[in-house]
């Protein structure tokens, strides 16, 4: 790609990024209250992003879908979900349990 084309692409991405953030900045400046449903959806975005990272790693550890008993990451994920359902507060304890189970299972096999 030529330098001038790269600079045009970078400038275009900067403009698009800027334009997608301006409405939120304006809303924050006016201290407007968002509708309750929209506020709830926006609260779920970090969870969805985390799931988008974790699920492929658990279900496709070697690049191909592996939903068999030999996939140790499934056991670690199940332990993580079980602890998350019991603890119900915060995500740190379930993550620590999941990582610990994954490391222990890898060490045993």
PDB file of N, CA and C in Angstrom:
ATOM      1  N   UNK A   1       0.849  -1.168   0.000  1.00  0.00           N
ATOM      2  CA  UNK A   1       0.000   0.000   0.000  1.00  0.00           C
ATOM      3  C   UNK A   1       0.897   1.233   0.000  1.00  0.00           C
ATOM      4  N   UNK A   2       0.562   2.173  -0.826  1.00  0.00           N
ATOM      5  CA  UNK A   2       1.343   3.402  -0.918  1.00  0.00           C
ATOM      6  C   UNK A   2       1.145   4.235   0.339  1.00  0.00           C
ATOM      7  N   UNK A   3       2.127   5.079   0.624  1.00  0.00           N
ATOM      8  CA  UNK A   3       2.072   5.908   1.829  1.00  0.00           C
ATOM      9  C   UNK A   3       0.857   6.820   1.825  1.00  0.00           C
ATOM     10  N   UNK A   4       0.545   7.423   0.685  1.00  0.00           N
ATOM     11  CA  UNK A   4      -0.602   8.331   0.628  1.00  0.00           C
ATOM     12  C   UNK A   4      -1.913   7.574   0.873  1.00  0.00           C
ATOM     13  N   UNK A   5      -2.027   6.374   0.349  1.00  0.00           N
ATOM     14  CA  UNK A   5      -3.235   5.569   0.577  1.00  0.00           C
ATOM     15  C   UNK A   5      -3.347   5.202   2.051  1.00  0.00           C
ATOM     16  N   UNK A   6      -2.228   4.829   2.665  1.00  0.00           N
ATOM     17  CA  UNK A   6      -2.230   4.481   4.087  1.00  0.00           C
ATOM     18  C   UNK A   6      -2.654   5.677   4.930  1.00  0.00           C
ATOM     19  N   UNK A   7      -2.168   6.846   4.609  1.00  0.00           N
ATOM     20  CA  UNK A   7      -2.537   8.047   5.368  1.00  0.00           C
ATOM     21  C   UNK A   7      -4.025   8.367   5.206  1.00  0.00           C
ATOM     22  N   UNK A   8      -4.568   8.171   4.016  1.00  0.00           N
ATOM     23  CA  UNK A   8      -5.994   8.407   3.800  1.00  0.00           C
ATOM     24  C   UNK A   8      -6.826   7.416   4.610  1.00  0.00           C
ATOM     25  N   UNK A   9      -6.405   6.163   4.627  1.00  0.00           N
ATOM     26  CA  UNK A   9      -7.112   5.140   5.410  1.00  0.00           C
ATOM     27  C   UNK A   9      -7.052   5.473   6.896  1.00  0.00           C
ATOM     28  N   UNK A  10      -5.894   5.866   7.396  1.00  0.00           N
ATOM     29  CA  UNK A  10      -5.742   6.225   8.810  1.00  0.00           C
ATOM     30  C   UNK A  10      -6.618   7.425   9.150  1.00  0.00           C
ATOM     31  N   UNK A  11      -6.624   8.440   8.281  1.00  0.00           N
ATOM     32  CA  UNK A  11      -7.462   9.626   8.521  1.00  0.00           C
ATOM     33  C   UNK A  11      -8.937   9.255   8.517  1.00  0.00           C
ATOM     34  N   UNK A  12      -9.343   8.375   7.611  1.00  0.00           N
ATOM     35  CA  UNK A  12     -10.736   7.936   7.565  1.00  0.00           C
ATOM     36  C   UNK A  12     -11.129   7.192   8.827  1.00  0.00           C
ATOM     37  N   UNK A  13     -10.246   6.314   9.301  1.00  0.00           N
ATOM     38  CA  UNK A  13     -10.537   5.576  10.539  1.00  0.00           C
ATOM     39  C   UNK A  13     -10.623   6.529  11.725  1.00  0.00           C
ATOM     40  N   UNK A  14      -9.792   7.549  11.748  1.00  0.00           N
ATOM     41  CA  UNK A  14      -9.834   8.534  12.836  1.00  0.00           C
ATOM     42  C   UNK A  14     -11.163   9.288  12.827  1.00  0.00           C
ATOM     43  N   UNK A  15     -11.621   9.670  11.639  1.00  0.00           N
ATOM     44  CA  UNK A  15     -12.899  10.389  11.532  1.00  0.00           C
ATOM     45  C   UNK A  15     -14.053   9.506  11.992  1.00  0.00           C
ATOM     46  N   UNK A  16     -14.074   8.257  11.548  1.00  0.00           N
ATOM     47  CA  UNK A  16     -15.146   7.340  11.945  1.00  0.00           C
ATOM     48  C   UNK A  16     -15.120   7.111  13.450  1.00  0.00           C
ATOM     49  N   UNK A  17     -13.948   6.924  14.014  1.00  0.00           N
ATOM     50  CA  UNK A  17     -13.824   6.726  15.454  1.00  0.00           C
ATOM     51  C   UNK A  17     -14.329   7.955  16.210  1.00  0.00           C
ATOM     52  N   UNK A  18     -13.949   9.114  15.748  1.00  0.00           N
ATOM     53  CA  UNK A  18     -14.389  10.366  16.377  1.00  0.00           C
ATOM     54  C   UNK A  18     -15.906  10.498  16.302  1.00  0.00           C
ATOM     55  N   UNK A  19     -16.473  10.250  15.131  1.00  0.00           N
ATOM     56  CA  UNK A  19     -17.916  10.422  14.954  1.00  0.00           C
ATOM     57  C   UNK A  19     -18.743   9.426  15.764  1.00  0.00           C
ATOM     58  N   UNK A  20     -18.202   8.260  16.037  1.00  0.00           N
ATOM     59  CA  UNK A  20     -18.958   7.305  16.848  1.00  0.00           C
ATOM     60  C   UNK A  20     -18.921   7.641  18.334  1.00  0.00           C
ATOM     61  N   UNK A  21     -17.976   8.469  18.732  1.00  0.00           N
ATOM     62  CA  UNK A  21     -17.864   8.813  20.158  1.00  0.00           C
ATOM     63  C   UNK A  21     -18.510  10.152  20.508  1.00  0.00           C
ATOM     64  N   UNK A  22     -18.701  11.012  19.549  1.00  0.00           N
ATOM     65  CA  UNK A  22     -19.269  12.335  19.815  1.00  0.00           C
ATOM     66  C   UNK A  22     -20.646  12.249  20.464  1.00  0.00           C
ATOM     67  N   UNK A  23     -21.572  11.415  19.967  1.00  0.00           N
ATOM     68  CA  UNK A  23     -22.893  11.382  20.618  1.00  0.00           C
ATOM     69  C   UNK A  23     -22.840  11.013  22.098  1.00  0.00           C
ATOM     70  N   UNK A  24     -21.983  10.088  22.477  1.00  0.00           N
ATOM     71  CA  UNK A  24     -21.879   9.718  23.884  1.00  0.00           C
ATOM     72  C   UNK A  24     -21.297  10.846  24.724  1.00  0.00           C
ATOM     73  N   UNK A  25     -20.350  11.563  24.172  1.00  0.00           N
ATOM     74  CA  UNK A  25     -19.775  12.707  24.889  1.00  0.00           C
ATOM     75  C   UNK A  25     -20.840  13.772  25.084  1.00  0.00           C
ATOM     76  N   UNK A  26     -21.636  14.020  24.070  1.00  0.00           N
ATOM     77  CA  UNK A  26     -22.701  15.020  24.182  1.00  0.00           C
ATOM     78  C   UNK A  26     -23.752  14.589  25.208  1.00  0.00           C
ATOM     79  N   UNK A  27     -24.093  13.311  25.221  1.00  0.00           N
ATOM     80  CA  UNK A  27     -25.042  12.823  26.224  1.00  0.00           C
ATOM     81  C   UNK A  27     -24.491  12.991  27.638  1.00  0.00           C
ATOM     82  N   UNK A  28     -23.217  12.694  27.816  1.00  0.00           N
ATOM     83  CA  UNK A  28     -22.602  12.821  29.139  1.00  0.00           C
ATOM     84  C   UNK A  28     -22.539  14.277  29.568  1.00  0.00           C
ATOM     85  N   UNK A  29     -22.284  15.180  28.634  1.00  0.00           N
ATOM     86  CA  UNK A  29     -22.194  16.602  28.958  1.00  0.00           C
ATOM     87  C   UNK A  29     -23.551  17.151  29.384  1.00  0.00           C
ATOM     88  N   UNK A  30     -24.618  16.645  28.813  1.00  0.00           N
ATOM     89  CA  UNK A  30     -25.956  17.136  29.141  1.00  0.00           C
ATOM     90  C   UNK A  30     -26.541  16.432  30.369  1.00  0.00           C
ATOM     91  N   UNK A  31     -25.878  15.408  30.846  1.00  0.00           N
ATOM     92  CA  UNK A  31     -26.350  14.634  32.002  1.00  0.00           C
ATOM     93  C   UNK A  31     -27.741  14.052  31.766  1.00  0.00           C
ATOM     94  N   UNK A  32     -27.969  13.603  30.535  1.00  0.00           N
ATOM     95  CA  UNK A  32     -29.250  12.985  30.223  1.00  0.00           C
ATOM     96  C   UNK A  32     -29.295  11.571  30.785  1.00  0.00           C
ATOM     97  N   UNK A  33     -30.449  11.183  31.216  1.00  0.00           N
ATOM     98  CA  UNK A  33     -30.648   9.825  31.699  1.00  0.00           C
ATOM     99  C   UNK A  33     -31.038   8.958  30.516  1.00  0.00           C
ATOM    100  N   UNK A  34     -30.349   7.837  30.360  1.00  0.00           N
ATOM    101  CA  UNK A  34     -30.684   6.904  29.294  1.00  0.00           C
ATOM    102  C   UNK A  34     -31.890   6.080  29.705  1.00  0.00           C
ATOM    103  N   UNK A  35     -32.647   5.606  28.744  1.00  0.00           N
ATOM    104  CA  UNK A  35     -33.743   4.696  29.099  1.00  0.00           C
ATOM    105  C   UNK A  35     -33.196   3.479  29.841  1.00  0.00           C
ATOM    106  N   UNK A  36     -33.990   2.963  30.742  1.00  0.00           N
ATOM    107  CA  UNK A  36     -33.545   1.857  31.601  1.00  0.00           C
ATOM    108  C   UNK A  36     -33.079   0.640  30.790  1.00  0.00           C
ATOM    109  N   UNK A  37     -33.810   0.305  29.725  1.00  0.00           N
ATOM    110  CA  UNK A  37     -33.446  -0.857  28.895  1.00  0.00           C
ATOM    111  C   UNK A  37     -32.100  -0.637  28.216  1.00  0.00           C
ATOM    112  N   UNK A  38     -31.858   0.560  27.679  1.00  0.00           N
ATOM    113  CA  UNK A  38     -30.588   0.854  27.020  1.00  0.00           C
ATOM    114  C   UNK A  38     -29.450   0.851  28.027  1.00  0.00           C
ATOM    115  N   UNK A  39     -29.699   1.381  29.206  1.00  0.00           N
ATOM    116  CA  UNK A  39     -28.676   1.375  30.250  1.00  0.00           C
ATOM    117  C   UNK A  39     -28.304  -0.060  30.631  1.00  0.00           C
ATOM    118  N   UNK A  40     -29.285  -0.937  30.718  1.00  0.00           N
ATOM    119  CA  UNK A  40     -29.029  -2.353  31.042  1.00  0.00           C
ATOM    120  C   UNK A  40     -28.204  -3.017  29.937  1.00  0.00           C
ATOM    121  N   UNK A  41     -28.537  -2.741  28.688  1.00  0.00           N
ATOM    122  CA  UNK A  41     -27.788  -3.312  27.560  1.00  0.00           C
ATOM    123  C   UNK A  41     -26.337  -2.846  27.603  1.00  0.00           C
ATOM    124  N   UNK A  42     -26.115  -1.582  27.854  1.00  0.00           N
ATOM    125  CA  UNK A  42     -24.751  -1.046  27.894  1.00  0.00           C
ATOM    126  C   UNK A  42     -23.947  -1.640  29.050  1.00  0.00           C
ATOM    127  N   UNK A  43     -24.614  -1.985  30.145  1.00  0.00           N
ATOM    128  CA  UNK A  43     -23.914  -2.621  31.268  1.00  0.00           C
ATOM    129  C   UNK A  43     -23.423  -4.019  30.907  1.00  0.00           C
ATOM    130  N   UNK A  44     -24.081  -4.685  29.965  1.00  0.00           N
ATOM    131  CA  UNK A  44     -23.749  -6.061  29.597  1.00  0.00           C
ATOM    132  C   UNK A  44     -22.607  -6.158  28.582  1.00  0.00           C
ATOM    133  N   UNK A  45     -22.187  -5.057  28.003  1.00  0.00           N
ATOM    134  CA  UNK A  45     -21.157  -5.093  26.964  1.00  0.00           C
ATOM    135  C   UNK A  45     -19.845  -5.700  27.465  1.00  0.00           C
ATOM    136  N   UNK A  46     -19.324  -5.350  28.638  1.00  0.00           N
ATOM    137  CA  UNK A  46     -18.081  -5.998  29.079  1.00  0.00           C
ATOM    138  C   UNK A  46     -18.222  -7.516  29.222  1.00  0.00           C
ATOM    139  N   UNK A  47     -19.364  -7.991  29.674  1.00  0.00           N
ATOM    140  CA  UNK A  47     -19.584  -9.421  29.810  1.00  0.00           C
ATOM    141  C   UNK A  47     -19.590 -10.081  28.442  1.00  0.00           C
ATOM    142  N   UNK A  48     -20.241  -9.441  27.480  1.00  0.00           N
ATOM    143  CA  UNK A  48     -20.293  -9.996  26.128  1.00  0.00           C
ATOM    144  C   UNK A  48     -18.907 -10.032  25.498  1.00  0.00           C
ATOM    145  N   UNK A  49     -18.117  -8.984  25.727  1.00  0.00           N
ATOM    146  CA  UNK A  49     -16.754  -8.968  25.178  1.00  0.00           C
ATOM    147  C   UNK A  49     -15.910 -10.070  25.805  1.00  0.00           C
ATOM    148  N   UNK A  50     -16.062 -10.272  27.097  1.00  0.00           N
ATOM    149  CA  UNK A  50     -15.330 -11.334  27.784  1.00  0.00           C
ATOM    150  C   UNK A  50     -15.730 -12.701  27.236  1.00  0.00           C
ATOM    151  N   UNK A  51     -17.025 -12.903  27.035  1.00  0.00           N
ATOM    152  CA  UNK A  51     -17.506 -14.176  26.490  1.00  0.00           C
ATOM    153  C   UNK A  51     -16.986 -14.406  25.080  1.00  0.00           C
ATOM    154  N   UNK A  52     -16.901 -13.343  24.288  1.00  0.00           N
ATOM    155  CA  UNK A  52     -16.391 -13.483  22.918  1.00  0.00           C
ATOM    156  C   UNK A  52     -14.932 -13.915  22.898  1.00  0.00           C
ATOM    157  N   UNK A  53     -14.207 -13.628  23.941  1.00  0.00           N
ATOM    158  CA  UNK A  53     -12.804 -14.052  24.036  1.00  0.00           C
ATOM    159  C   UNK A  53     -12.721 -15.474  24.593  1.00  0.00           C
ATOM    160  N   UNK A  54     -13.520 -15.776  25.597  1.00  0.00           N
ATOM    161  CA  UNK A  54     -13.399 -17.043  26.314  1.00  0.00           C
ATOM    162  C   UNK A  54     -13.999 -18.226  25.556  1.00  0.00           C
ATOM    163  N   UNK A  55     -15.198 -18.087  25.009  1.00  0.00           N
ATOM    164  CA  UNK A  55     -15.865 -19.228  24.392  1.00  0.00           C
ATOM    165  C   UNK A  55     -15.062 -19.878  23.272  1.00  0.00           C
ATOM    166  N   UNK A  56     -14.495 -19.123  22.337  1.00  0.00           N
ATOM    167  CA  UNK A  56     -13.681 -19.794  21.309  1.00  0.00           C
ATOM    168  C   UNK A  56     -12.480 -20.535  21.905  1.00  0.00           C
ATOM    169  N   UNK A  57     -11.881 -19.974  22.940  1.00  0.00           N
ATOM    170  CA  UNK A  57     -10.720 -20.632  23.559  1.00  0.00           C
ATOM    171  C   UNK A  57     -11.125 -21.941  24.237  1.00  0.00           C
ATOM    172  N   UNK A  58     -12.316 -21.989  24.795  1.00  0.00           N
ATOM    173  CA  UNK A  58     -12.781 -23.206  25.475  1.00  0.00           C
ATOM    174  C   UNK A  58     -13.274 -24.239  24.473  1.00  0.00           C
ATOM    175  N   UNK A  59     -14.058 -23.803  23.506  1.00  0.00           N
ATOM    176  CA  UNK A  59     -14.677 -24.745  22.582  1.00  0.00           C
ATOM    177  C   UNK A  59     -13.782 -25.128  21.406  1.00  0.00           C
ATOM    178  N   UNK A  60     -12.783 -24.310  21.099  1.00  0.00           N
ATOM    179  CA  UNK A  60     -11.879 -24.596  19.986  1.00  0.00           C
ATOM    180  C   UNK A  60     -10.429 -24.408  20.422  1.00  0.00           C
ATOM    181  N   UNK A  61      -9.955 -25.205  21.354  1.00  0.00           N
ATOM    182  CA  UNK A  61      -8.612 -24.970  21.888  1.00  0.00           C
ATOM    183  C   UNK A  61      -7.483 -25.166  20.874  1.00  0.00           C
ATOM    184  N   UNK A  62      -7.713 -25.958  19.857  1.00  0.00           N
ATOM    185  CA  UNK A  62      -6.672 -26.205  18.857  1.00  0.00           C
ATOM    186  C   UNK A  62      -7.119 -25.768  17.469  1.00  0.00           C
ATOM    187  N   UNK A  63      -8.068 -24.837  17.418  1.00  0.00           N
ATOM    188  CA  UNK A  63      -8.527 -24.314  16.148  1.00  0.00           C
ATOM    189  C   UNK A  63      -9.702 -25.055  15.544  1.00  0.00           C
ATOM    190  N   UNK A  64     -10.065 -26.177  16.111  1.00  0.00           N
ATOM    191  CA  UNK A  64     -11.217 -26.951  15.650  1.00  0.00           C
ATOM    192  C   UNK A  64     -12.129 -27.219  16.846  1.00  0.00           C
ATOM    193  N   UNK A  65     -13.414 -27.229  16.602  1.00  0.00           N
ATOM    194  CA  UNK A  65     -14.368 -27.446  17.683  1.00  0.00           C
ATOM    195  C   UNK A  65     -14.128 -28.806  18.345  1.00  0.00           C
ATOM    196  N   UNK A  66     -13.994 -28.763  19.665  1.00  0.00           N
ATOM    197  CA  UNK A  66     -13.705 -29.978  20.435  1.00  0.00           C
ATOM    198  C   UNK A  66     -14.627 -30.024  21.642  1.00  0.00           C
ATOM    199  N   UNK A  67     -15.749 -30.732  21.486  1.00  0.00           N
ATOM    200  CA  UNK A  67     -16.704 -30.876  22.592  1.00  0.00           C
ATOM    201  C   UNK A  67     -16.692 -32.344  23.007  1.00  0.00           C
ATOM    202  N   UNK A  68     -15.526 -32.798  23.420  1.00  0.00           N
ATOM    203  CA  UNK A  68     -15.363 -34.180  23.853  1.00  0.00           C
ATOM    204  C   UNK A  68     -14.845 -34.207  25.285  1.00  0.00           C
ATOM    205  N   UNK A  69     -14.837 -35.370  25.876  1.00  0.00           N
ATOM    206  CA  UNK A  69     -14.362 -35.517  27.249  1.00  0.00           C
ATOM    207  C   UNK A  69     -12.869 -35.236  27.376  1.00  0.00           C
ATOM    208  N   UNK A  70     -12.137 -35.260  26.281  1.00  0.00           N
ATOM    209  CA  UNK A  70     -10.697 -35.008  26.346  1.00  0.00           C
ATOM    210  C   UNK A  70     -10.363 -33.517  26.361  1.00  0.00           C
ATOM    211  N   UNK A  71     -11.346 -32.652  26.153  1.00  0.00           N
ATOM    212  CA  UNK A  71     -11.125 -31.209  26.191  1.00  0.00           C
ATOM    213  C   UNK A  71     -11.153 -30.747  27.649  1.00  0.00           C
ATOM    214  N   UNK A  72      -9.978 -30.570  28.214  1.00  0.00           N
ATOM    215  CA  UNK A  72      -9.867 -30.204  29.630  1.00  0.00           C
ATOM    216  C   UNK A  72     -10.419 -28.813  29.922  1.00  0.00           C
ATOM    217  N   UNK A  73     -10.424 -27.942  28.922  1.00  0.00           N
ATOM    218  CA  UNK A  73     -10.934 -26.587  29.128  1.00  0.00           C
ATOM    219  C   UNK A  73     -12.433 -26.596  29.430  1.00  0.00           C
ATOM    220  N   UNK A  74     -13.156 -27.599  28.949  1.00  0.00           N
ATOM    221  CA  UNK A  74     -14.578 -27.698  29.270  1.00  0.00           C
ATOM    222  C   UNK A  74     -14.795 -27.936  30.765  1.00  0.00           C
ATOM    223  N   UNK A  75     -13.941 -28.753  31.365  1.00  0.00           N
ATOM    224  CA  UNK A  75     -14.043 -29.004  32.808  1.00  0.00           C
ATOM    225  C   UNK A  75     -13.732 -27.726  33.606  1.00  0.00           C
ATOM    226  N   UNK A  76     -12.709 -27.004  33.169  1.00  0.00           N
ATOM    227  CA  UNK A  76     -12.358 -25.756  33.846  1.00  0.00           C
ATOM    228  C   UNK A  76     -13.489 -24.739  33.695  1.00  0.00           C
ATOM    229  N   UNK A  77     -14.102 -24.685  32.508  1.00  0.00           N
ATOM    230  CA  UNK A  77     -15.224 -23.768  32.294  1.00  0.00           C
ATOM    231  C   UNK A  77     -16.419 -24.155  33.160  1.00  0.00           C
ATOM    232  N   UNK A  78     -16.680 -25.452  33.274  1.00  0.00           N
ATOM    233  CA  UNK A  78     -17.793 -25.913  34.116  1.00  0.00           C
ATOM    234  C   UNK A  78     -17.555 -25.559  35.588  1.00  0.00           C
ATOM    235  N   UNK A  79     -16.326 -25.720  36.048  1.00  0.00           N
ATOM    236  CA  UNK A  79     -15.996 -25.350  37.427  1.00  0.00           C
ATOM    237  C   UNK A  79     -16.162 -23.839  37.631  1.00  0.00           C
ATOM    238  N   UNK A  80     -15.760 -23.076  36.646  1.00  0.00           N
ATOM    239  CA  UNK A  80     -15.888 -21.615  36.729  1.00  0.00           C
ATOM    240  C   UNK A  80     -17.351 -21.201  36.816  1.00  0.00           C
ATOM    241  N   UNK A  81     -18.187 -21.791  35.979  1.00  0.00           N
ATOM    242  CA  UNK A  81     -19.617 -21.460  35.996  1.00  0.00           C
ATOM    243  C   UNK A  81     -20.245 -21.875  37.323  1.00  0.00           C
ATOM    244  N   UNK A  82     -19.885 -23.043  37.831  1.00  0.00           N
ATOM    245  CA  UNK A  82     -20.436 -23.508  39.112  1.00  0.00           C
ATOM    246  C   UNK A  82     -20.078 -22.553  40.239  1.00  0.00           C
ATOM    247  N   UNK A  83     -18.826 -22.132  40.287  1.00  0.00           N
ATOM    248  CA  UNK A  83     -18.403 -21.196  41.335  1.00  0.00           C
ATOM    249  C   UNK A  83     -19.083 -19.847  41.150  1.00  0.00           C
ATOM    250  N   UNK A  84     -19.229 -19.395  39.914  1.00  0.00           N
ATOM    251  CA  UNK A  84     -19.886 -18.109  39.659  1.00  0.00           C
ATOM    252  C   UNK A  84     -21.342 -18.135  40.110  1.00  0.00           C
ATOM    253  N   UNK A  85     -22.010 -19.278  39.947  1.00  0.00           N
ATOM    254  CA  UNK A  85     -23.399 -19.389  40.389  1.00  0.00           C
ATOM    255  C   UNK A  85     -23.515 -19.393  41.909  1.00  0.00           C
ATOM    256  N   UNK A  86     -22.498 -19.906  42.584  1.00  0.00           N
ATOM    257  CA  UNK A  86     -22.526 -19.954  44.051  1.00  0.00           C
ATOM    258  C   UNK A  86     -22.115 -18.613  44.640  1.00  0.00           C
ATOM    259  N   UNK A  87     -21.046 -18.029  44.119  1.00  0.00           N
ATOM    260  CA  UNK A  87     -20.497 -16.799  44.699  1.00  0.00           C
ATOM    261  C   UNK A  87     -21.400 -15.604  44.426  1.00  0.00           C
ATOM    262  N   UNK A  88     -21.845 -15.449  43.184  1.00  0.00           N
ATOM    263  CA  UNK A  88     -22.777 -14.389  42.778  1.00  0.00           C
ATOM    264  C   UNK A  88     -22.258 -12.961  42.924  1.00  0.00           C
ATOM    265  N   UNK A  89     -21.056 -12.763  43.402  1.00  0.00           N
ATOM    266  CA  UNK A  89     -20.521 -11.405  43.529  1.00  0.00           C
ATOM    267  C   UNK A  89     -19.123 -11.386  42.950  1.00  0.00           C
ATOM    268  N   UNK A  90     -18.921 -10.546  41.986  1.00  0.00           N
ATOM    269  CA  UNK A  90     -17.606 -10.389  41.401  1.00  0.00           C
ATOM    270  C   UNK A  90     -17.246 -11.531  40.478  1.00  0.00           C
ATOM    271  N   UNK A  91     -16.205 -11.306  39.713  1.00  0.00           N
ATOM    272  CA  UNK A  91     -15.787 -12.297  38.732  1.00  0.00           C
ATOM    273  C   UNK A  91     -14.399 -12.843  39.053  1.00  0.00           C
ATOM    274  N   UNK A  92     -13.731 -12.245  40.022  1.00  0.00           N
ATOM    275  CA  UNK A  92     -12.358 -12.633  40.331  1.00  0.00           C
ATOM    276  C   UNK A  92     -12.266 -14.075  40.853  1.00  0.00           C
ATOM    277  N   UNK A  93     -13.106 -14.439  41.794  1.00  0.00           N
ATOM    278  CA  UNK A  93     -13.038 -15.793  42.371  1.00  0.00           C
ATOM    279  C   UNK A  93     -13.323 -16.858  41.310  1.00  0.00           C
ATOM    280  N   UNK A  94     -14.383 -16.722  40.501  1.00  0.00           N
ATOM    281  CA  UNK A  94     -14.591 -17.733  39.461  1.00  0.00           C
ATOM    282  C   UNK A  94     -13.430 -17.830  38.466  1.00  0.00           C
ATOM    283  N   UNK A  95     -12.836 -16.714  38.096  1.00  0.00           N
ATOM    284  CA  UNK A  95     -11.706 -16.748  37.164  1.00  0.00           C
ATOM    285  C   UNK A  95     -10.520 -17.467  37.794  1.00  0.00           C
ATOM    286  N   UNK A  96     -10.235 -17.180  39.053  1.00  0.00           N
ATOM    287  CA  UNK A  96      -9.124 -17.849  39.737  1.00  0.00           C
ATOM    288  C   UNK A  96      -9.375 -19.352  39.818  1.00  0.00           C
ATOM    289  N   UNK A  97     -10.602 -19.734  40.126  1.00  0.00           N
ATOM    290  CA  UNK A  97     -10.939 -21.162  40.183  1.00  0.00           C
ATOM    291  C   UNK A  97     -10.769 -21.802  38.813  1.00  0.00           C
ATOM    292  N   UNK A  98     -11.264 -21.165  37.764  1.00  0.00           N
ATOM    293  CA  UNK A  98     -11.146 -21.713  36.422  1.00  0.00           C
ATOM    294  C   UNK A  98      -9.708 -21.888  35.985  1.00  0.00           C
ATOM    295  N   UNK A  99      -8.886 -20.884  36.238  1.00  0.00           N
ATOM    296  CA  UNK A  99      -7.467 -20.975  35.870  1.00  0.00           C
ATOM    297  C   UNK A  99      -6.778 -22.060  36.683  1.00  0.00           C
ATOM    298  N   UNK A 100      -7.090 -22.131  37.968  1.00  0.00           N
ATOM    299  CA  UNK A 100      -6.482 -23.152  38.824  1.00  0.00           C
ATOM    300  C   UNK A 100      -6.864 -24.564  38.362  1.00  0.00           C
ATOM    301  N   UNK A 101      -8.125 -24.765  38.046  1.00  0.00           N
ATOM    302  CA  UNK A 101      -8.581 -26.075  37.559  1.00  0.00           C
ATOM    303  C   UNK A 101      -7.892 -26.410  36.229  1.00  0.00           C
ATOM    304  N   UNK A 102      -7.798 -25.444  35.334  1.00  0.00           N
ATOM    305  CA  UNK A 102      -7.150 -25.681  34.043  1.00  0.00           C
ATOM    306  C   UNK A 102      -5.689 -26.055  34.225  1.00  0.00           C
ATOM    307  N   UNK A 103      -4.998 -25.351  35.101  1.00  0.00           N
ATOM    308  CA  UNK A 103      -3.569 -25.657  35.355  1.00  0.00           C
ATOM    309  C   UNK A 103      -3.424 -27.031  36.000  1.00  0.00           C
ATOM    310  N   UNK A 104      -4.303 -27.328  36.962  1.00  0.00           N
ATOM    311  CA  UNK A 104      -4.225 -28.635  37.632  1.00  0.00           C
ATOM    312  C   UNK A 104      -4.490 -29.776  36.646  1.00  0.00           C
ATOM    313  N   UNK A 105      -5.503 -29.619  35.788  1.00  0.00           N
ATOM    314  CA  UNK A 105      -5.802 -30.660  34.824  1.00  0.00           C
ATOM    315  C   UNK A 105      -4.677 -30.839  33.808  1.00  0.00           C
ATOM    316  N   UNK A 106      -4.076 -29.725  33.401  1.00  0.00           N
ATOM    317  CA  UNK A 106      -2.943 -29.828  32.454  1.00  0.00           C
ATOM    318  C   UNK A 106      -1.759 -30.531  33.123  1.00  0.00           C
ATOM    319  N   UNK A 107      -1.575 -30.282  34.402  1.00  0.00           N
ATOM    320  CA  UNK A 107      -0.484 -30.925  35.128  1.00  0.00           C
ATOM    321  C   UNK A 107      -0.694 -32.409  35.339  1.00  0.00           C
ATOM    322  N   UNK A 108      -1.970 -32.827  35.454  1.00  0.00           N
ATOM    323  CA  UNK A 108      -2.269 -34.231  35.682  1.00  0.00           C
ATOM    324  C   UNK A 108      -2.218 -35.078  34.412  1.00  0.00           C
ATOM    325  N   UNK A 109      -2.324 -34.416  33.258  1.00  0.00           N
ATOM    326  CA  UNK A 109      -2.329 -35.193  32.001  1.00  0.00           C
ATOM    327  C   UNK A 109      -1.021 -35.070  31.266  1.00  0.00           C
TER     328      UNK A 109
END
